[in-house]
Amino acid sequence: IVVNSIPSFTVGGMGRAREWWNDYRVSYANNT
């Protein structure tokens, strides 16, 4: 068989608010 990807983890249902799209912000770091 040939494996194309193995995610280390997947987590669903992260939003605990009715309007999760408004109630959360994502942050990440540029690094150069």
PDB file of all heavy atoms in Angstrom:
ATOM      1  N   ILE A   1       0.857  -1.182   0.000  1.00  0.00           N
ATOM      2  CA  ILE A   1       0.000   0.000   0.000  1.00  0.00           C
ATOM      3  C   ILE A   1       0.893   1.231   0.000  1.00  0.00           C
ATOM      4  O   ILE A   1       2.064   1.163   0.392  1.00  0.00           O
ATOM      5  CB  ILE A   1      -0.953   0.056   1.207  1.00  0.00           C
ATOM      6  CG1 ILE A   1      -0.159   0.148   2.518  1.00  0.00           C
ATOM      7  CG2 ILE A   1      -1.915  -1.110   1.210  1.00  0.00           C
ATOM      8  CD1 ILE A   1      -0.996   0.512   3.710  1.00  0.00           C
ATOM      9  N   VAL A   2       0.356   2.351  -0.450  1.00  0.00           N
ATOM     10  CA  VAL A   2       1.086   3.618  -0.437  1.00  0.00           C
ATOM     11  C   VAL A   2       0.301   4.611   0.407  1.00  0.00           C
ATOM     12  O   VAL A   2      -0.879   4.872   0.144  1.00  0.00           O
ATOM     13  CB  VAL A   2       1.294   4.166  -1.855  1.00  0.00           C
ATOM     14  CG1 VAL A   2       1.973   5.538  -1.801  1.00  0.00           C
ATOM     15  CG2 VAL A   2       2.138   3.196  -2.682  1.00  0.00           C
ATOM     16  N   VAL A   3       0.964   5.147   1.422  1.00  0.00           N
ATOM     17  CA  VAL A   3       0.357   6.130   2.324  1.00  0.00           C
ATOM     18  C   VAL A   3       0.737   7.523   1.839  1.00  0.00           C
ATOM     19  O   VAL A   3       1.912   7.805   1.581  1.00  0.00           O
ATOM     20  CB  VAL A   3       0.834   5.923   3.768  1.00  0.00           C
ATOM     21  CG1 VAL A   3       0.107   6.873   4.713  1.00  0.00           C
ATOM     22  CG2 VAL A   3       0.630   4.480   4.209  1.00  0.00           C
ATOM     23  N   ASN A   4      -0.258   8.398   1.708  1.00  0.00           N
ATOM     24  CA  ASN A   4      -0.024   9.752   1.203  1.00  0.00           C
ATOM     25  C   ASN A   4       0.028  10.820   2.289  1.00  0.00           C
ATOM     26  O   ASN A   4       0.587  11.893   2.066  1.00  0.00           O
ATOM     27  CB  ASN A   4      -1.109  10.134   0.202  1.00  0.00           C
ATOM     28  CG  ASN A   4      -0.901   9.467  -1.138  1.00  0.00           C
ATOM     29  OD1 ASN A   4       0.090   8.784  -1.355  1.00  0.00           O
ATOM     30  ND2 ASN A   4      -1.842   9.655  -2.046  1.00  0.00           N
ATOM     31  N   SER A   5      -0.590  10.576   3.416  1.00  0.00           N
ATOM     32  CA  SER A   5      -0.501  11.524   4.528  1.00  0.00           C
ATOM     33  C   SER A   5      -0.974  10.849   5.798  1.00  0.00           C
ATOM     34  O   SER A   5      -1.831   9.958   5.761  1.00  0.00           O
ATOM     35  CB  SER A   5      -1.326  12.792   4.272  1.00  0.00           C
ATOM     36  OG  SER A   5      -2.707  12.526   4.397  1.00  0.00           O
ATOM     37  N   ILE A   6      -0.393  11.286   6.915  1.00  0.00           N
ATOM     38  CA  ILE A   6      -0.814  10.804   8.237  1.00  0.00           C
ATOM     39  C   ILE A   6      -0.863  12.002   9.172  1.00  0.00           C
ATOM     40  O   ILE A   6       0.143  12.364   9.794  1.00  0.00           O
ATOM     41  CB  ILE A   6       0.157   9.761   8.828  1.00  0.00           C
ATOM     42  CG1 ILE A   6       0.592   8.725   7.796  1.00  0.00           C
ATOM     43  CG2 ILE A   6      -0.498   9.061  10.031  1.00  0.00           C
ATOM     44  CD1 ILE A   6       1.655   7.771   8.315  1.00  0.00           C
ATOM     45  N   PRO A   7      -2.004  12.667   9.292  1.00  0.00           N
ATOM     46  CA  PRO A   7      -2.093  13.747  10.281  1.00  0.00           C
ATOM     47  C   PRO A   7      -1.775  13.245  11.688  1.00  0.00           C
ATOM     48  O   PRO A   7      -2.225  12.162  12.092  1.00  0.00           O
ATOM     49  CB  PRO A   7      -3.552  14.203  10.168  1.00  0.00           C
ATOM     50  CG  PRO A   7      -3.948  13.836   8.775  1.00  0.00           C
ATOM     51  CD  PRO A   7      -3.225  12.546   8.493  1.00  0.00           C
ATOM     52  N   SER A   8      -1.007  14.021  12.417  1.00  0.00           N
ATOM     53  CA  SER A   8      -0.663  13.642  13.789  1.00  0.00           C
ATOM     54  C   SER A   8      -1.877  13.706  14.697  1.00  0.00           C
ATOM     55  O   SER A   8      -2.033  12.890  15.605  1.00  0.00           O
ATOM     56  CB  SER A   8       0.440  14.562  14.318  1.00  0.00           C
ATOM     57  OG  SER A   8       1.572  14.514  13.486  1.00  0.00           O
ATOM     58  N   PHE A   9      -2.727  14.708  14.469  1.00  0.00           N
ATOM     59  CA  PHE A   9      -3.997  14.758  15.191  1.00  0.00           C
ATOM     60  C   PHE A   9      -5.003  15.583  14.408  1.00  0.00           C
ATOM     61  O   PHE A   9      -4.652  16.428  13.582  1.00  0.00           O
ATOM     62  CB  PHE A   9      -3.847  15.317  16.614  1.00  0.00           C
ATOM     63  CG  PHE A   9      -3.513  16.785  16.707  1.00  0.00           C
ATOM     64  CD1 PHE A   9      -4.467  17.764  16.431  1.00  0.00           C
ATOM     65  CD2 PHE A   9      -2.259  17.201  17.105  1.00  0.00           C
ATOM     66  CE1 PHE A   9      -4.167  19.109  16.520  1.00  0.00           C
ATOM     67  CE2 PHE A   9      -1.948  18.552  17.205  1.00  0.00           C
ATOM     68  CZ  PHE A   9      -2.908  19.507  16.913  1.00  0.00           C
ATOM     69  N   THR A  10      -6.281  15.314  14.664  1.00  0.00           N
ATOM     70  CA  THR A  10      -7.387  16.142  14.196  1.00  0.00           C
ATOM     71  C   THR A  10      -8.340  16.325  15.370  1.00  0.00           C
ATOM     72  O   THR A  10      -8.676  15.361  16.060  1.00  0.00           O
ATOM     73  CB  THR A  10      -8.136  15.494  13.015  1.00  0.00           C
ATOM     74  OG1 THR A  10      -8.522  14.157  13.363  1.00  0.00           O
ATOM     75  CG2 THR A  10      -7.261  15.454  11.777  1.00  0.00           C
ATOM     76  N   VAL A  11      -8.750  17.552  15.595  1.00  0.00           N
ATOM     77  CA  VAL A  11      -9.622  17.883  16.720  1.00  0.00           C
ATOM     78  C   VAL A  11     -10.791  18.696  16.194  1.00  0.00           C
ATOM     79  O   VAL A  11     -10.590  19.761  15.602  1.00  0.00           O
ATOM     80  CB  VAL A  11      -8.866  18.703  17.792  1.00  0.00           C
ATOM     81  CG1 VAL A  11      -9.801  19.031  18.947  1.00  0.00           C
ATOM     82  CG2 VAL A  11      -7.636  17.965  18.276  1.00  0.00           C
ATOM     83  N   GLY A  12     -12.008  18.236  16.379  1.00  0.00           N
ATOM     84  CA  GLY A  12     -13.191  18.963  15.956  1.00  0.00           C
ATOM     85  C   GLY A  12     -13.912  19.605  17.123  1.00  0.00           C
ATOM     86  O   GLY A  12     -13.558  19.417  18.288  1.00  0.00           O
ATOM     87  N   GLY A  13     -14.959  20.368  16.808  1.00  0.00           N
ATOM     88  CA  GLY A  13     -15.795  20.964  17.847  1.00  0.00           C
ATOM     89  C   GLY A  13     -15.070  21.930  18.749  1.00  0.00           C
ATOM     90  O   GLY A  13     -15.382  22.029  19.943  1.00  0.00           O
ATOM     91  N   MET A  14     -14.117  22.697  18.205  1.00  0.00           N
ATOM     92  CA  MET A  14     -13.327  23.592  19.054  1.00  0.00           C
ATOM     93  C   MET A  14     -14.118  24.802  19.527  1.00  0.00           C
ATOM     94  O   MET A  14     -13.845  25.348  20.598  1.00  0.00           O
ATOM     95  CB  MET A  14     -12.089  24.058  18.289  1.00  0.00           C
ATOM     96  CG  MET A  14     -11.138  22.950  17.906  1.00  0.00           C
ATOM     97  SD  MET A  14      -9.809  23.549  16.847  1.00  0.00           S
ATOM     98  CE  MET A  14      -8.843  24.517  17.996  1.00  0.00           C
ATOM     99  N   GLY A  15     -15.065  25.264  18.723  1.00  0.00           N
ATOM    100  CA  GLY A  15     -15.807  26.465  19.073  1.00  0.00           C
ATOM    101  C   GLY A  15     -16.879  26.206  20.106  1.00  0.00           C
ATOM    102  O   GLY A  15     -17.814  25.436  19.867  1.00  0.00           O
ATOM    103  N   ARG A  16     -16.786  26.838  21.247  1.00  0.00           N
ATOM    104  CA  ARG A  16     -17.776  26.677  22.311  1.00  0.00           C
ATOM    105  C   ARG A  16     -18.799  27.805  22.291  1.00  0.00           C
ATOM    106  O   ARG A  16     -19.579  27.956  23.221  1.00  0.00           O
ATOM    107  CB  ARG A  16     -17.071  26.639  23.669  1.00  0.00           C
ATOM    108  CG  ARG A  16     -16.236  25.389  23.884  1.00  0.00           C
ATOM    109  CD  ARG A  16     -15.439  25.465  25.172  1.00  0.00           C
ATOM    110  NE  ARG A  16     -16.273  25.568  26.358  1.00  0.00           N
ATOM    111  CZ  ARG A  16     -16.772  24.535  27.033  1.00  0.00           C
ATOM    112  NH1 ARG A  16     -16.549  23.289  26.596  1.00  0.00           N
ATOM    113  NH2 ARG A  16     -17.498  24.725  28.118  1.00  0.00           N
ATOM    114  N   ALA A  17     -18.802  28.596  21.237  1.00  0.00           N
ATOM    115  CA  ALA A  17     -19.720  29.731  21.139  1.00  0.00           C
ATOM    116  C   ALA A  17     -20.647  29.528  19.942  1.00  0.00           C
ATOM    117  O   ALA A  17     -20.303  28.866  18.964  1.00  0.00           O
ATOM    118  CB  ALA A  17     -18.941  31.026  20.978  1.00  0.00           C
ATOM    119  N   ARG A  18     -21.829  30.109  20.018  1.00  0.00           N
ATOM    120  CA  ARG A  18     -22.799  29.968  18.937  1.00  0.00           C
ATOM    121  C   ARG A  18     -22.248  30.536  17.630  1.00  0.00           C
ATOM    122  O   ARG A  18     -22.361  29.919  16.582  1.00  0.00           O
ATOM    123  CB  ARG A  18     -24.103  30.687  19.311  1.00  0.00           C
ATOM    124  CG  ARG A  18     -25.168  30.624  18.221  1.00  0.00           C
ATOM    125  CD  ARG A  18     -26.475  31.227  18.685  1.00  0.00           C
ATOM    126  NE  ARG A  18     -27.452  31.208  17.616  1.00  0.00           N
ATOM    127  CZ  ARG A  18     -28.193  30.162  17.269  1.00  0.00           C
ATOM    128  NH1 ARG A  18     -28.029  29.026  17.926  1.00  0.00           N
ATOM    129  NH2 ARG A  18     -29.071  30.230  16.291  1.00  0.00           N
ATOM    130  N   GLU A  19     -21.620  31.690  17.706  1.00  0.00           N
ATOM    131  CA  GLU A  19     -21.044  32.288  16.510  1.00  0.00           C
ATOM    132  C   GLU A  19     -19.518  32.170  16.580  1.00  0.00           C
ATOM    133  O   GLU A  19     -18.797  33.137  16.793  1.00  0.00           O
ATOM    134  CB  GLU A  19     -21.480  33.747  16.381  1.00  0.00           C
ATOM    135  CG  GLU A  19     -22.971  33.916  16.140  1.00  0.00           C
ATOM    136  CD  GLU A  19     -23.359  35.351  15.844  1.00  0.00           C
ATOM    137  OE1 GLU A  19     -22.472  36.232  15.944  1.00  0.00           O
ATOM    138  OE2 GLU A  19     -24.529  35.580  15.513  1.00  0.00           O
ATOM    139  N   TRP A  20     -19.022  30.941  16.401  1.00  0.00           N
ATOM    140  CA  TRP A  20     -17.591  30.693  16.550  1.00  0.00           C
ATOM    141  C   TRP A  20     -16.761  31.534  15.580  1.00  0.00           C
ATOM    142  O   TRP A  20     -15.630  31.904  15.871  1.00  0.00           O
ATOM    143  CB  TRP A  20     -17.283  29.206  16.355  1.00  0.00           C
ATOM    144  CG  TRP A  20     -17.842  28.585  15.102  1.00  0.00           C
ATOM    145  CD1 TRP A  20     -19.007  27.899  14.974  1.00  0.00           C
ATOM    146  CD2 TRP A  20     -17.251  28.604  13.793  1.00  0.00           C
ATOM    147  NE1 TRP A  20     -19.193  27.488  13.669  1.00  0.00           N
ATOM    148  CE2 TRP A  20     -18.122  27.902  12.927  1.00  0.00           C
ATOM    149  CE3 TRP A  20     -16.079  29.143  13.259  1.00  0.00           C
ATOM    150  CZ2 TRP A  20     -17.855  27.725  11.574  1.00  0.00           C
ATOM    151  CZ3 TRP A  20     -15.805  28.966  11.909  1.00  0.00           C
ATOM    152  CH2 TRP A  20     -16.686  28.272  11.081  1.00  0.00           C
ATOM    153  N   TRP A  21     -17.302  31.850  14.417  1.00  0.00           N
ATOM    154  CA  TRP A  21     -16.552  32.617  13.418  1.00  0.00           C
ATOM    155  C   TRP A  21     -16.300  34.054  13.871  1.00  0.00           C
ATOM    156  O   TRP A  21     -15.356  34.692  13.423  1.00  0.00           O
ATOM    157  CB  TRP A  21     -17.300  32.610  12.078  1.00  0.00           C
ATOM    158  CG  TRP A  21     -18.723  33.087  12.193  1.00  0.00           C
ATOM    159  CD1 TRP A  21     -19.175  34.360  12.068  1.00  0.00           C
ATOM    160  CD2 TRP A  21     -19.871  32.283  12.489  1.00  0.00           C
ATOM    161  NE1 TRP A  21     -20.529  34.416  12.264  1.00  0.00           N
ATOM    162  CE2 TRP A  21     -20.991  33.139  12.524  1.00  0.00           C
ATOM    163  CE3 TRP A  21     -20.074  30.914  12.716  1.00  0.00           C
ATOM    164  CZ2 TRP A  21     -22.285  32.688  12.778  1.00  0.00           C
ATOM    165  CZ3 TRP A  21     -21.361  30.462  12.966  1.00  0.00           C
ATOM    166  CH2 TRP A  21     -22.448  31.343  12.998  1.00  0.00           C
ATOM    167  N   ASN A  22     -17.145  34.558  14.769  1.00  0.00           N
ATOM    168  CA  ASN A  22     -16.956  35.912  15.305  1.00  0.00           C
ATOM    169  C   ASN A  22     -16.214  35.930  16.631  1.00  0.00           C
ATOM    170  O   ASN A  22     -15.618  36.944  17.003  1.00  0.00           O
ATOM    171  CB  ASN A  22     -18.307  36.604  15.502  1.00  0.00           C
ATOM    172  CG  ASN A  22     -18.902  37.092  14.198  1.00  0.00           C
ATOM    173  OD1 ASN A  22     -18.163  37.434  13.279  1.00  0.00           O
ATOM    174  ND2 ASN A  22     -20.218  37.108  14.116  1.00  0.00           N
ATOM    175  N   ASP A  23     -16.294  34.826  17.357  1.00  0.00           N
ATOM    176  CA  ASP A  23     -15.829  34.837  18.743  1.00  0.00           C
ATOM    177  C   ASP A  23     -14.380  34.403  18.928  1.00  0.00           C
ATOM    178  O   ASP A  23     -13.859  34.449  20.045  1.00  0.00           O
ATOM    179  CB  ASP A  23     -16.728  33.938  19.597  1.00  0.00           C
ATOM    180  CG  ASP A  23     -18.119  34.533  19.767  1.00  0.00           C
ATOM    181  OD1 ASP A  23     -18.288  35.716  19.425  1.00  0.00           O
ATOM    182  OD2 ASP A  23     -19.022  33.821  20.220  1.00  0.00           O
ATOM    183  N   TYR A  24     -13.712  33.960  17.872  1.00  0.00           N
ATOM    184  CA  TYR A  24     -12.335  33.490  17.993  1.00  0.00           C
ATOM    185  C   TYR A  24     -11.426  34.215  16.997  1.00  0.00           C
ATOM    186  O   TYR A  24     -11.865  34.653  15.931  1.00  0.00           O
ATOM    187  CB  TYR A  24     -12.248  31.977  17.745  1.00  0.00           C
ATOM    188  CG  TYR A  24     -12.906  31.146  18.823  1.00  0.00           C
ATOM    189  CD1 TYR A  24     -14.267  30.849  18.762  1.00  0.00           C
ATOM    190  CD2 TYR A  24     -12.176  30.664  19.903  1.00  0.00           C
ATOM    191  CE1 TYR A  24     -14.878  30.095  19.747  1.00  0.00           C
ATOM    192  CE2 TYR A  24     -12.777  29.905  20.894  1.00  0.00           C
ATOM    193  CZ  TYR A  24     -14.130  29.624  20.808  1.00  0.00           C
ATOM    194  OH  TYR A  24     -14.732  28.869  21.787  1.00  0.00           O
ATOM    195  N   ARG A  25     -10.178  34.319  17.371  1.00  0.00           N
ATOM    196  CA  ARG A  25      -9.130  34.856  16.499  1.00  0.00           C
ATOM    197  C   ARG A  25      -7.999  33.831  16.430  1.00  0.00           C
ATOM    198  O   ARG A  25      -7.669  33.186  17.424  1.00  0.00           O
ATOM    199  CB  ARG A  25      -8.565  36.179  17.041  1.00  0.00           C
ATOM    200  CG  ARG A  25      -9.582  37.288  17.175  1.00  0.00           C
ATOM    201  CD  ARG A  25     -10.000  37.861  15.824  1.00  0.00           C
ATOM    202  NE  ARG A  25     -10.899  38.988  15.973  1.00  0.00           N
ATOM    203  CZ  ARG A  25     -12.224  38.891  16.050  1.00  0.00           C
ATOM    204  NH1 ARG A  25     -12.807  37.692  16.022  1.00  0.00           N
ATOM    205  NH2 ARG A  25     -12.977  39.969  16.171  1.00  0.00           N
ATOM    206  N   VAL A  26      -7.374  33.726  15.258  1.00  0.00           N
ATOM    207  CA  VAL A  26      -6.234  32.829  15.092  1.00  0.00           C
ATOM    208  C   VAL A  26      -4.957  33.653  15.040  1.00  0.00           C
ATOM    209  O   VAL A  26      -4.914  34.726  14.424  1.00  0.00           O
ATOM    210  CB  VAL A  26      -6.380  31.945  13.829  1.00  0.00           C
ATOM    211  CG1 VAL A  26      -6.465  32.785  12.558  1.00  0.00           C
ATOM    212  CG2 VAL A  26      -5.228  30.950  13.741  1.00  0.00           C
ATOM    213  N   SER A  27      -3.915  33.162  15.689  1.00  0.00           N
ATOM    214  CA  SER A  27      -2.619  33.850  15.712  1.00  0.00           C
ATOM    215  C   SER A  27      -1.527  32.897  15.262  1.00  0.00           C
ATOM    216  O   SER A  27      -1.533  31.712  15.597  1.00  0.00           O
ATOM    217  CB  SER A  27      -2.304  34.364  17.121  1.00  0.00           C
ATOM    218  OG  SER A  27      -3.273  35.299  17.557  1.00  0.00           O
ATOM    219  N   TYR A  28      -0.585  33.433  14.501  1.00  0.00           N
ATOM    220  CA  TYR A  28       0.524  32.639  13.986  1.00  0.00           C
ATOM    221  C   TYR A  28       1.740  33.547  13.904  1.00  0.00           C
ATOM    222  O   TYR A  28       1.630  34.775  13.963  1.00  0.00           O
ATOM    223  CB  TYR A  28       0.188  32.062  12.609  1.00  0.00           C
ATOM    224  CG  TYR A  28      -0.186  33.097  11.580  1.00  0.00           C
ATOM    225  CD1 TYR A  28       0.776  33.673  10.754  1.00  0.00           C
ATOM    226  CD2 TYR A  28      -1.508  33.529  11.449  1.00  0.00           C
ATOM    227  CE1 TYR A  28       0.430  34.644   9.820  1.00  0.00           C
ATOM    228  CE2 TYR A  28      -1.854  34.505  10.513  1.00  0.00           C
ATOM    229  CZ  TYR A  28      -0.883  35.055   9.713  1.00  0.00           C
ATOM    230  OH  TYR A  28      -1.214  36.024   8.796  1.00  0.00           O
ATOM    231  N   ALA A  29       2.918  32.938  13.743  1.00  0.00           N
ATOM    232  CA  ALA A  29       4.161  33.711  13.790  1.00  0.00           C
ATOM    233  C   ALA A  29       4.909  33.628  12.473  1.00  0.00           C
ATOM    234  O   ALA A  29       5.316  32.543  12.046  1.00  0.00           O
ATOM    235  CB  ALA A  29       5.055  33.215  14.921  1.00  0.00           C
ATOM    236  N   ASN A  30       5.083  34.788  11.820  1.00  0.00           N
ATOM    237  CA  ASN A  30       6.046  34.859  10.729  1.00  0.00           C
ATOM    238  C   ASN A  30       7.445  34.673  11.304  1.00  0.00           C
ATOM    239  O   ASN A  30       7.747  35.134  12.408  1.00  0.00           O
ATOM    240  CB  ASN A  30       5.965  36.211  10.026  1.00  0.00           C
ATOM    241  CG  ASN A  30       4.639  36.429   9.343  1.00  0.00           C
ATOM    242  OD1 ASN A  30       4.054  35.502   8.789  1.00  0.00           O
ATOM    243  ND2 ASN A  30       4.138  37.650   9.374  1.00  0.00           N
ATOM    244  N   ASN A  31       8.290  34.009  10.531  1.00  0.00           N
ATOM    245  CA  ASN A  31       9.627  33.706  11.052  1.00  0.00           C
ATOM    246  C   ASN A  31      10.597  33.636   9.875  1.00  0.00           C
ATOM    247  O   ASN A  31      10.641  32.634   9.167  1.00  0.00           O
ATOM    248  CB  ASN A  31       9.614  32.368  11.791  1.00  0.00           C
ATOM    249  CG  ASN A  31      10.824  32.170  12.691  1.00  0.00           C
ATOM    250  OD1 ASN A  31      10.855  32.686  13.803  1.00  0.00           O
ATOM    251  ND2 ASN A  31      11.824  31.422  12.222  1.00  0.00           N
ATOM    252  N   THR A  32      11.334  34.691   9.667  1.00  0.00           N
ATOM    253  CA  THR A  32      12.276  34.684   8.565  1.00  0.00           C
ATOM    254  C   THR A  32      13.609  35.239   9.037  1.00  0.00           C
ATOM    255  O   THR A  32      13.726  35.749  10.155  1.00  0.00           O
ATOM    256  CB  THR A  32      11.735  35.479   7.364  1.00  0.00           C
ATOM    257  OG1 THR A  32      12.564  35.232   6.216  1.00  0.00           O
ATOM    258  CG2 THR A  32      11.720  36.976   7.647  1.00  0.00           C
TER     259      THR A  32
END
